[in-house]
N, C-alpha and C. Protein backbone atom coordinates (compact mmCIF):
# COMPACT_ATOMS: atom_id res chain seq x y z
N MET A 1 47.59 1.40 108.68
CA MET A 1 47.71 -0.03 108.87
C MET A 1 47.66 -0.70 107.51
N SER A 2 48.66 -1.52 107.22
CA SER A 2 48.71 -2.16 105.90
C SER A 2 48.10 -3.54 105.97
N GLY A 3 47.29 -3.88 105.00
CA GLY A 3 46.70 -5.21 104.93
C GLY A 3 45.68 -5.45 106.03
N ASN A 4 45.22 -6.68 106.10
CA ASN A 4 44.22 -7.04 107.09
C ASN A 4 44.80 -7.86 108.24
N ASN A 5 46.10 -8.04 108.27
CA ASN A 5 46.73 -8.86 109.30
C ASN A 5 46.95 -8.03 110.57
N VAL A 6 46.14 -8.28 111.58
CA VAL A 6 46.25 -7.50 112.82
C VAL A 6 47.48 -7.90 113.62
N TYR A 7 48.15 -9.02 113.25
CA TYR A 7 49.32 -9.48 113.97
C TYR A 7 50.61 -8.99 113.33
N GLU A 8 50.50 -8.20 112.30
CA GLU A 8 51.67 -7.70 111.60
C GLU A 8 52.60 -6.95 112.55
N ASN A 9 53.91 -7.26 112.46
CA ASN A 9 54.94 -6.59 113.24
C ASN A 9 54.81 -6.78 114.75
N THR A 10 54.21 -7.85 115.17
CA THR A 10 54.15 -8.13 116.60
C THR A 10 55.32 -9.01 117.00
N PRO A 11 55.75 -8.97 118.25
CA PRO A 11 56.88 -9.80 118.69
C PRO A 11 56.64 -11.29 118.49
N GLU A 12 55.38 -11.74 118.56
CA GLU A 12 55.07 -13.15 118.40
C GLU A 12 55.31 -13.63 116.97
N GLU A 13 55.43 -12.69 116.05
CA GLU A 13 55.53 -13.01 114.64
C GLU A 13 56.75 -13.89 114.33
N ASP A 14 57.88 -13.65 114.95
CA ASP A 14 59.10 -14.39 114.67
C ASP A 14 59.55 -15.13 115.92
N THR A 15 59.15 -16.39 116.04
CA THR A 15 59.47 -17.15 117.23
C THR A 15 60.92 -17.60 117.27
N GLN A 16 61.64 -17.44 116.16
CA GLN A 16 63.05 -17.85 116.12
C GLN A 16 64.01 -16.68 116.35
N ARG A 17 63.49 -15.49 116.46
CA ARG A 17 64.33 -14.32 116.65
C ARG A 17 65.11 -14.43 117.96
N ASP A 18 66.41 -14.12 117.88
CA ASP A 18 67.31 -14.09 119.04
C ASP A 18 67.51 -15.45 119.68
N LYS A 19 67.21 -16.54 118.97
CA LYS A 19 67.43 -17.89 119.49
C LYS A 19 68.63 -18.51 118.79
N TYR A 20 69.46 -19.16 119.59
CA TYR A 20 70.71 -19.75 119.09
C TYR A 20 70.81 -21.20 119.54
N LEU A 21 71.22 -22.06 118.62
CA LEU A 21 71.56 -23.43 118.97
C LEU A 21 72.99 -23.42 119.48
N VAL A 22 73.20 -23.93 120.68
CA VAL A 22 74.51 -23.89 121.31
C VAL A 22 75.17 -25.26 121.16
N PHE A 23 76.41 -25.24 120.70
CA PHE A 23 77.20 -26.47 120.60
C PHE A 23 78.59 -26.22 121.15
N SER A 24 79.30 -27.31 121.43
CA SER A 24 80.61 -27.20 122.06
C SER A 24 81.71 -27.71 121.15
N LEU A 25 82.84 -27.04 121.24
CA LEU A 25 84.10 -27.49 120.67
C LEU A 25 85.10 -27.32 121.79
N GLY A 26 85.58 -28.43 122.33
CA GLY A 26 86.45 -28.34 123.50
C GLY A 26 85.66 -27.75 124.65
N SER A 27 86.25 -26.79 125.34
CA SER A 27 85.58 -26.19 126.49
C SER A 27 84.81 -24.92 126.12
N GLN A 28 84.79 -24.55 124.83
CA GLN A 28 84.12 -23.33 124.41
C GLN A 28 82.76 -23.62 123.80
N ASP A 29 81.79 -22.78 124.12
CA ASP A 29 80.45 -22.89 123.54
C ASP A 29 80.29 -21.88 122.41
N TYR A 30 79.64 -22.34 121.35
CA TYR A 30 79.36 -21.52 120.17
C TYR A 30 77.87 -21.52 119.94
N GLY A 31 77.38 -20.50 119.27
CA GLY A 31 75.96 -20.43 118.95
C GLY A 31 75.76 -20.09 117.48
N ILE A 32 74.75 -20.73 116.88
CA ILE A 32 74.34 -20.38 115.53
C ILE A 32 72.84 -20.08 115.57
N GLU A 33 72.42 -19.16 114.73
CA GLU A 33 71.02 -18.76 114.72
C GLU A 33 70.14 -19.95 114.38
N ILE A 34 69.16 -20.19 115.21
CA ILE A 34 68.29 -21.36 115.06
C ILE A 34 67.52 -21.32 113.75
N GLN A 35 67.30 -20.14 113.19
CA GLN A 35 66.53 -20.04 111.95
C GLN A 35 67.19 -20.78 110.79
N TYR A 36 68.50 -21.03 110.88
CA TYR A 36 69.21 -21.72 109.80
C TYR A 36 69.29 -23.22 110.01
N VAL A 37 68.95 -23.70 111.20
CA VAL A 37 69.08 -25.11 111.52
C VAL A 37 67.84 -25.87 111.02
N THR A 38 68.08 -26.88 110.19
CA THR A 38 66.96 -27.70 109.73
C THR A 38 66.82 -28.96 110.56
N GLU A 39 67.96 -29.53 110.99
CA GLU A 39 67.90 -30.70 111.86
C GLU A 39 69.27 -30.99 112.44
N ILE A 40 69.26 -31.85 113.45
CA ILE A 40 70.49 -32.32 114.08
C ILE A 40 70.45 -33.83 114.00
N ILE A 41 71.51 -34.42 113.45
CA ILE A 41 71.56 -35.87 113.28
C ILE A 41 72.85 -36.40 113.88
N GLY A 42 72.86 -37.68 114.18
CA GLY A 42 74.08 -38.32 114.64
C GLY A 42 75.10 -38.38 113.50
N ILE A 43 76.33 -38.61 113.88
CA ILE A 43 77.38 -38.73 112.86
C ILE A 43 77.04 -39.91 111.96
N GLN A 44 77.27 -39.75 110.68
CA GLN A 44 76.92 -40.73 109.67
C GLN A 44 78.16 -41.09 108.86
N PRO A 45 78.09 -42.19 108.10
CA PRO A 45 79.21 -42.49 107.19
C PRO A 45 79.41 -41.33 106.21
N ILE A 46 80.65 -40.93 106.05
CA ILE A 46 80.99 -39.80 105.19
C ILE A 46 81.76 -40.32 103.99
N ALA A 47 81.29 -39.98 102.80
CA ALA A 47 82.01 -40.32 101.57
C ALA A 47 83.01 -39.22 101.31
N GLY A 48 84.29 -39.57 101.36
CA GLY A 48 85.34 -38.59 101.11
C GLY A 48 85.39 -38.19 99.66
N ILE A 49 85.78 -36.97 99.42
CA ILE A 49 85.96 -36.46 98.07
C ILE A 49 87.40 -35.96 97.98
N PRO A 50 88.15 -36.42 96.98
CA PRO A 50 89.56 -36.01 96.89
C PRO A 50 89.72 -34.52 96.60
N ASP A 51 90.87 -34.01 97.01
CA ASP A 51 91.30 -32.65 96.68
C ASP A 51 90.44 -31.56 97.29
N LEU A 52 89.95 -31.80 98.50
CA LEU A 52 89.24 -30.76 99.24
C LEU A 52 90.06 -30.46 100.49
N PRO A 53 89.85 -29.30 101.08
CA PRO A 53 90.58 -28.99 102.32
C PRO A 53 90.25 -30.01 103.40
N GLU A 54 91.14 -30.13 104.35
CA GLU A 54 91.01 -31.12 105.42
C GLU A 54 89.69 -30.98 106.19
N TYR A 55 89.19 -29.76 106.34
CA TYR A 55 87.99 -29.57 107.15
C TYR A 55 86.70 -29.89 106.41
N ILE A 56 86.73 -30.00 105.08
CA ILE A 56 85.57 -30.48 104.33
C ILE A 56 85.73 -31.99 104.25
N LYS A 57 84.99 -32.70 105.09
CA LYS A 57 85.19 -34.13 105.25
C LYS A 57 84.63 -34.95 104.10
N GLY A 58 83.71 -34.39 103.34
CA GLY A 58 83.09 -35.11 102.23
C GLY A 58 81.61 -34.84 102.21
N ILE A 59 80.84 -35.89 101.85
CA ILE A 59 79.38 -35.74 101.78
C ILE A 59 78.72 -36.89 102.53
N ILE A 60 77.51 -36.61 103.01
CA ILE A 60 76.68 -37.65 103.61
C ILE A 60 75.41 -37.75 102.78
N ASN A 61 74.80 -38.92 102.83
CA ASN A 61 73.53 -39.14 102.15
C ASN A 61 72.43 -39.04 103.19
N LEU A 62 71.70 -37.96 103.14
CA LEU A 62 70.61 -37.74 104.09
C LEU A 62 69.28 -37.90 103.36
N ARG A 63 68.68 -39.07 103.51
CA ARG A 63 67.42 -39.39 102.85
C ARG A 63 67.45 -39.07 101.35
N GLY A 64 68.54 -39.45 100.70
CA GLY A 64 68.66 -39.28 99.25
C GLY A 64 69.26 -37.96 98.81
N THR A 65 69.51 -37.06 99.73
CA THR A 65 70.13 -35.78 99.39
C THR A 65 71.59 -35.80 99.83
N MET A 66 72.48 -35.46 98.91
CA MET A 66 73.91 -35.42 99.23
C MET A 66 74.24 -34.06 99.84
N ILE A 67 74.79 -34.10 101.06
CA ILE A 67 75.07 -32.87 101.81
C ILE A 67 76.56 -32.82 102.13
N PRO A 68 77.25 -31.74 101.74
CA PRO A 68 78.66 -31.61 102.15
C PRO A 68 78.74 -31.38 103.66
N VAL A 69 79.78 -31.93 104.28
CA VAL A 69 79.95 -31.77 105.72
C VAL A 69 81.31 -31.17 106.05
N MET A 70 81.29 -30.25 107.01
CA MET A 70 82.48 -29.55 107.45
C MET A 70 82.72 -29.88 108.92
N ASP A 71 83.95 -30.27 109.25
CA ASP A 71 84.31 -30.47 110.64
C ASP A 71 84.68 -29.09 111.19
N VAL A 72 83.80 -28.53 112.00
CA VAL A 72 83.98 -27.16 112.48
C VAL A 72 85.24 -27.05 113.34
N ARG A 73 85.53 -28.07 114.11
CA ARG A 73 86.73 -28.07 114.94
C ARG A 73 87.98 -27.92 114.07
N VAL A 74 88.07 -28.67 112.99
CA VAL A 74 89.22 -28.60 112.09
C VAL A 74 89.23 -27.25 111.37
N ARG A 75 88.04 -26.76 111.00
CA ARG A 75 87.96 -25.46 110.31
C ARG A 75 88.50 -24.33 111.19
N PHE A 76 88.31 -24.45 112.49
CA PHE A 76 88.79 -23.43 113.41
C PHE A 76 90.22 -23.69 113.87
N ARG A 77 90.90 -24.56 113.14
CA ARG A 77 92.32 -24.87 113.38
C ARG A 77 92.58 -25.45 114.77
N MET A 78 91.61 -26.22 115.24
CA MET A 78 91.78 -26.95 116.50
C MET A 78 92.27 -28.35 116.17
N GLU A 79 92.86 -28.99 117.15
CA GLU A 79 93.33 -30.36 116.98
C GLU A 79 92.13 -31.27 116.68
N PRO A 80 92.19 -32.06 115.60
CA PRO A 80 91.06 -32.96 115.32
C PRO A 80 90.91 -34.01 116.42
N LEU A 81 89.67 -34.42 116.66
CA LEU A 81 89.38 -35.47 117.63
C LEU A 81 88.61 -36.58 116.94
N PRO A 82 88.75 -37.81 117.43
CA PRO A 82 87.91 -38.88 116.86
C PRO A 82 86.44 -38.61 117.17
N TYR A 83 85.57 -39.04 116.26
CA TYR A 83 84.14 -38.88 116.48
C TYR A 83 83.68 -39.91 117.50
N HIS A 84 82.66 -39.54 118.29
CA HIS A 84 82.15 -40.41 119.35
C HIS A 84 80.63 -40.36 119.35
N ASP A 85 80.01 -40.96 120.35
CA ASP A 85 78.55 -41.08 120.36
C ASP A 85 77.82 -39.74 120.54
N ARG A 86 78.50 -38.71 121.01
CA ARG A 86 77.86 -37.38 121.14
C ARG A 86 78.16 -36.48 119.94
N THR A 87 79.07 -36.91 119.07
CA THR A 87 79.36 -36.14 117.86
C THR A 87 78.10 -36.09 117.01
N CYS A 88 77.79 -34.93 116.49
CA CYS A 88 76.60 -34.82 115.65
C CYS A 88 76.83 -33.86 114.49
N VAL A 89 75.87 -33.89 113.59
CA VAL A 89 75.90 -33.03 112.42
C VAL A 89 74.72 -32.08 112.53
N ILE A 90 75.02 -30.78 112.53
CA ILE A 90 73.97 -29.77 112.50
C ILE A 90 73.78 -29.41 111.03
N VAL A 91 72.61 -29.70 110.50
CA VAL A 91 72.33 -29.40 109.10
C VAL A 91 71.74 -27.99 109.04
N ILE A 92 72.44 -27.12 108.30
CA ILE A 92 71.95 -25.75 108.15
C ILE A 92 71.53 -25.51 106.71
N ASN A 93 70.59 -24.61 106.54
CA ASN A 93 70.09 -24.26 105.22
C ASN A 93 69.97 -22.74 105.17
N ILE A 94 70.71 -22.17 104.23
CA ILE A 94 70.66 -20.72 104.03
C ILE A 94 70.33 -20.48 102.57
N MET A 95 69.16 -19.94 102.32
CA MET A 95 68.70 -19.66 100.96
C MET A 95 68.87 -20.88 100.05
N ASP A 96 68.37 -22.02 100.52
CA ASP A 96 68.35 -23.29 99.80
C ASP A 96 69.74 -23.89 99.56
N GLU A 97 70.75 -23.41 100.24
CA GLU A 97 72.07 -24.03 100.22
C GLU A 97 72.23 -24.76 101.55
N VAL A 98 72.64 -26.02 101.48
CA VAL A 98 72.68 -26.87 102.67
C VAL A 98 74.11 -27.29 102.98
N LEU A 99 74.43 -27.32 104.27
CA LEU A 99 75.75 -27.73 104.74
C LEU A 99 75.57 -28.43 106.08
N GLY A 100 76.34 -29.48 106.30
CA GLY A 100 76.36 -30.16 107.58
C GLY A 100 77.57 -29.71 108.37
N LEU A 101 77.38 -29.35 109.63
CA LEU A 101 78.46 -28.92 110.51
C LEU A 101 78.69 -30.02 111.55
N ILE A 102 79.87 -30.62 111.51
CA ILE A 102 80.20 -31.67 112.48
C ILE A 102 80.72 -30.98 113.74
N VAL A 103 80.06 -31.26 114.87
CA VAL A 103 80.44 -30.66 116.15
C VAL A 103 80.53 -31.75 117.21
N GLU A 104 81.20 -31.44 118.30
CA GLU A 104 81.39 -32.43 119.37
C GLU A 104 80.09 -32.78 120.08
N SER A 105 79.29 -31.78 120.37
CA SER A 105 78.00 -32.02 121.02
C SER A 105 77.14 -30.77 120.93
N VAL A 106 75.83 -30.99 120.99
CA VAL A 106 74.87 -29.89 121.01
C VAL A 106 74.27 -29.88 122.40
N SER A 107 74.12 -28.67 122.98
CA SER A 107 73.63 -28.63 124.34
C SER A 107 72.22 -28.07 124.51
N GLU A 108 71.88 -26.97 123.83
CA GLU A 108 70.60 -26.34 124.11
C GLU A 108 70.30 -25.25 123.08
N VAL A 109 69.08 -24.75 123.15
CA VAL A 109 68.69 -23.56 122.40
C VAL A 109 68.51 -22.46 123.44
N LEU A 110 69.22 -21.34 123.23
CA LEU A 110 69.17 -20.21 124.17
C LEU A 110 68.64 -18.97 123.47
N THR A 111 67.94 -18.15 124.21
CA THR A 111 67.59 -16.82 123.73
C THR A 111 68.68 -15.87 124.19
N ILE A 112 69.30 -15.20 123.24
CA ILE A 112 70.32 -14.21 123.56
C ILE A 112 69.90 -12.92 122.87
N LEU A 113 69.44 -11.98 123.65
CA LEU A 113 68.94 -10.71 123.11
C LEU A 113 70.08 -9.84 122.61
N PRO A 114 69.83 -8.98 121.63
CA PRO A 114 70.89 -8.12 121.10
C PRO A 114 71.61 -7.31 122.18
N GLY A 115 70.89 -6.90 123.21
CA GLY A 115 71.51 -6.15 124.30
C GLY A 115 72.48 -6.97 125.14
N ASP A 116 72.43 -8.28 124.98
CA ASP A 116 73.33 -9.17 125.72
C ASP A 116 74.49 -9.65 124.85
N THR A 117 74.72 -8.96 123.74
CA THR A 117 75.85 -9.32 122.87
C THR A 117 76.73 -8.11 122.64
N VAL A 118 77.98 -8.40 122.31
CA VAL A 118 78.92 -7.36 121.93
C VAL A 118 79.62 -7.82 120.66
N PRO A 119 80.11 -6.88 119.84
CA PRO A 119 80.84 -7.29 118.64
C PRO A 119 82.09 -8.08 119.02
N ALA A 120 82.42 -9.05 118.18
CA ALA A 120 83.64 -9.83 118.41
C ALA A 120 84.85 -8.97 118.12
N PRO A 121 85.89 -9.07 118.94
CA PRO A 121 87.11 -8.31 118.65
C PRO A 121 87.77 -8.82 117.38
N ASP A 122 88.55 -7.99 116.75
CA ASP A 122 89.23 -8.37 115.51
C ASP A 122 90.17 -9.55 115.69
N ILE A 123 90.62 -9.80 116.91
CA ILE A 123 91.59 -10.87 117.14
C ILE A 123 90.93 -12.22 117.39
N THR A 124 89.60 -12.29 117.29
CA THR A 124 88.88 -13.52 117.59
C THR A 124 89.34 -14.64 116.67
N ALA A 125 89.62 -15.80 117.26
CA ALA A 125 89.98 -16.98 116.48
C ALA A 125 88.76 -17.47 115.71
N GLY A 126 89.00 -18.26 114.70
CA GLY A 126 87.90 -18.82 113.94
C GLY A 126 87.78 -18.18 112.57
N GLY A 127 88.82 -17.50 112.11
CA GLY A 127 88.83 -16.99 110.74
C GLY A 127 87.77 -15.96 110.44
N GLY A 128 87.33 -15.21 111.44
CA GLY A 128 86.31 -14.20 111.20
C GLY A 128 84.89 -14.74 111.20
N PHE A 129 84.71 -16.00 111.57
CA PHE A 129 83.39 -16.59 111.61
C PHE A 129 82.61 -16.13 112.85
N VAL A 130 83.31 -15.72 113.89
CA VAL A 130 82.66 -15.24 115.10
C VAL A 130 82.34 -13.77 114.90
N THR A 131 81.04 -13.45 114.90
CA THR A 131 80.64 -12.07 114.65
C THR A 131 80.27 -11.31 115.92
N ARG A 132 79.72 -12.04 116.91
CA ARG A 132 79.30 -11.41 118.15
C ARG A 132 79.63 -12.36 119.30
N ILE A 133 79.66 -11.80 120.49
CA ILE A 133 79.87 -12.59 121.69
C ILE A 133 78.65 -12.40 122.58
N GLY A 134 78.01 -13.52 122.90
CA GLY A 134 76.82 -13.48 123.74
C GLY A 134 77.19 -13.67 125.20
N LYS A 135 76.61 -12.84 126.05
CA LYS A 135 76.83 -12.95 127.49
C LYS A 135 75.57 -13.56 128.09
N THR A 136 75.73 -14.74 128.69
CA THR A 136 74.59 -15.43 129.29
C THR A 136 74.93 -15.81 130.72
N VAL A 137 73.92 -16.24 131.45
CA VAL A 137 74.12 -16.72 132.81
C VAL A 137 75.06 -17.93 132.79
N GLN A 138 74.96 -18.73 131.73
CA GLN A 138 75.79 -19.94 131.61
C GLN A 138 77.21 -19.64 131.12
N GLY A 139 77.51 -18.41 130.80
CA GLY A 139 78.86 -18.04 130.33
C GLY A 139 78.84 -17.41 128.96
N VAL A 140 80.02 -17.27 128.40
CA VAL A 140 80.20 -16.61 127.11
C VAL A 140 79.91 -17.60 125.97
N LYS A 141 79.17 -17.15 124.98
CA LYS A 141 78.90 -17.94 123.78
C LYS A 141 79.42 -17.15 122.57
N LEU A 142 80.24 -17.80 121.77
CA LEU A 142 80.74 -17.17 120.55
C LEU A 142 79.71 -17.41 119.45
N LEU A 143 79.14 -16.33 118.91
CA LEU A 143 78.06 -16.43 117.94
C LEU A 143 78.64 -16.40 116.52
N LEU A 144 78.30 -17.39 115.73
CA LEU A 144 78.90 -17.59 114.42
C LEU A 144 78.04 -17.04 113.29
N ASP A 145 78.70 -16.69 112.21
CA ASP A 145 78.06 -16.26 110.98
C ASP A 145 77.88 -17.50 110.10
N CYS A 146 76.68 -18.08 110.11
CA CYS A 146 76.41 -19.30 109.32
C CYS A 146 76.59 -19.03 107.83
N GLY A 147 76.23 -17.86 107.38
CA GLY A 147 76.39 -17.51 105.98
C GLY A 147 77.84 -17.59 105.55
N ARG A 148 78.72 -17.11 106.39
CA ARG A 148 80.15 -17.15 106.06
C ARG A 148 80.67 -18.59 106.05
N LEU A 149 80.23 -19.40 107.01
CA LEU A 149 80.62 -20.81 107.01
C LEU A 149 80.20 -21.48 105.70
N LEU A 150 78.97 -21.22 105.28
CA LEU A 150 78.46 -21.80 104.06
C LEU A 150 79.20 -21.29 102.83
N ARG A 151 79.39 -19.98 102.73
CA ARG A 151 80.11 -19.41 101.58
C ARG A 151 81.53 -19.96 101.50
N ASP A 152 82.18 -20.07 102.64
CA ASP A 152 83.54 -20.57 102.71
C ASP A 152 83.59 -22.01 102.19
N ALA A 153 82.65 -22.83 102.65
CA ALA A 153 82.60 -24.22 102.20
C ALA A 153 82.32 -24.30 100.70
N GLU A 154 81.40 -23.47 100.21
CA GLU A 154 81.09 -23.48 98.77
C GLU A 154 82.31 -23.11 97.95
N LEU A 155 83.07 -22.12 98.39
CA LEU A 155 84.29 -21.74 97.67
C LEU A 155 85.26 -22.91 97.62
N GLU A 156 85.41 -23.59 98.74
CA GLU A 156 86.36 -24.71 98.79
C GLU A 156 85.89 -25.88 97.92
N ILE A 157 84.61 -26.16 97.96
CA ILE A 157 84.09 -27.29 97.18
C ILE A 157 84.16 -27.00 95.69
N SER A 158 83.86 -25.76 95.31
CA SER A 158 83.87 -25.42 93.89
C SER A 158 85.27 -25.08 93.38
N GLY A 159 86.24 -25.03 94.29
CA GLY A 159 87.61 -24.72 93.88
C GLY A 159 87.85 -23.24 93.67
N GLY A 160 86.98 -22.41 94.24
CA GLY A 160 87.11 -20.97 94.10
C GLY A 160 88.36 -20.45 94.78
N SER A 161 88.71 -19.24 94.48
CA SER A 161 89.92 -18.66 95.06
C SER A 161 89.69 -18.27 96.51
N ARG A 162 90.74 -18.29 97.27
CA ARG A 162 90.69 -17.96 98.68
C ARG A 162 91.56 -16.74 98.93
N GLN A 163 91.18 -15.99 99.92
CA GLN A 163 91.99 -14.87 100.34
C GLN A 163 93.09 -15.38 101.26
N PRO A 164 94.25 -14.76 101.27
CA PRO A 164 95.29 -15.19 102.21
C PRO A 164 94.80 -15.11 103.64
N ASN A 165 95.29 -16.02 104.47
CA ASN A 165 94.99 -16.08 105.90
C ASN A 165 93.52 -16.38 106.19
N GLU A 166 92.82 -16.98 105.28
CA GLU A 166 91.43 -17.39 105.57
C GLU A 166 91.37 -18.88 105.57
């Protein structure tokens, strides 16, 4: 037994494990790991920045911090829709890098155990952002790679090179 922590390696240790924030784009539900979500806010005024891809809408000022925002619907090559009262921004933080994800609506936090997921097929839409498919009582949830969304946005904002078909 290492250390004096009797709770080491117990299931209670990680309350965010296997939990996903579920949001909708059109009729499809997507999930992102709750551990990356710092907050959910209503749509805010966005300051546009020239010469960025269409899906990087610009930046928002969140309590003095400038956060780049990505319209996930546009990123997934879906028809853009006007923002409405249910449109929100999911603020994610991965290793101190922050990105806002604009989505149509957020519905719930679900526990999806690894045994209830399957790898995403290679033909999955969304530019390879969908890594697994969760099977739930409420239906299929496409589980996203938040790290890839963030890296992709950073490349676009910094003007980095892109691979073809991404």
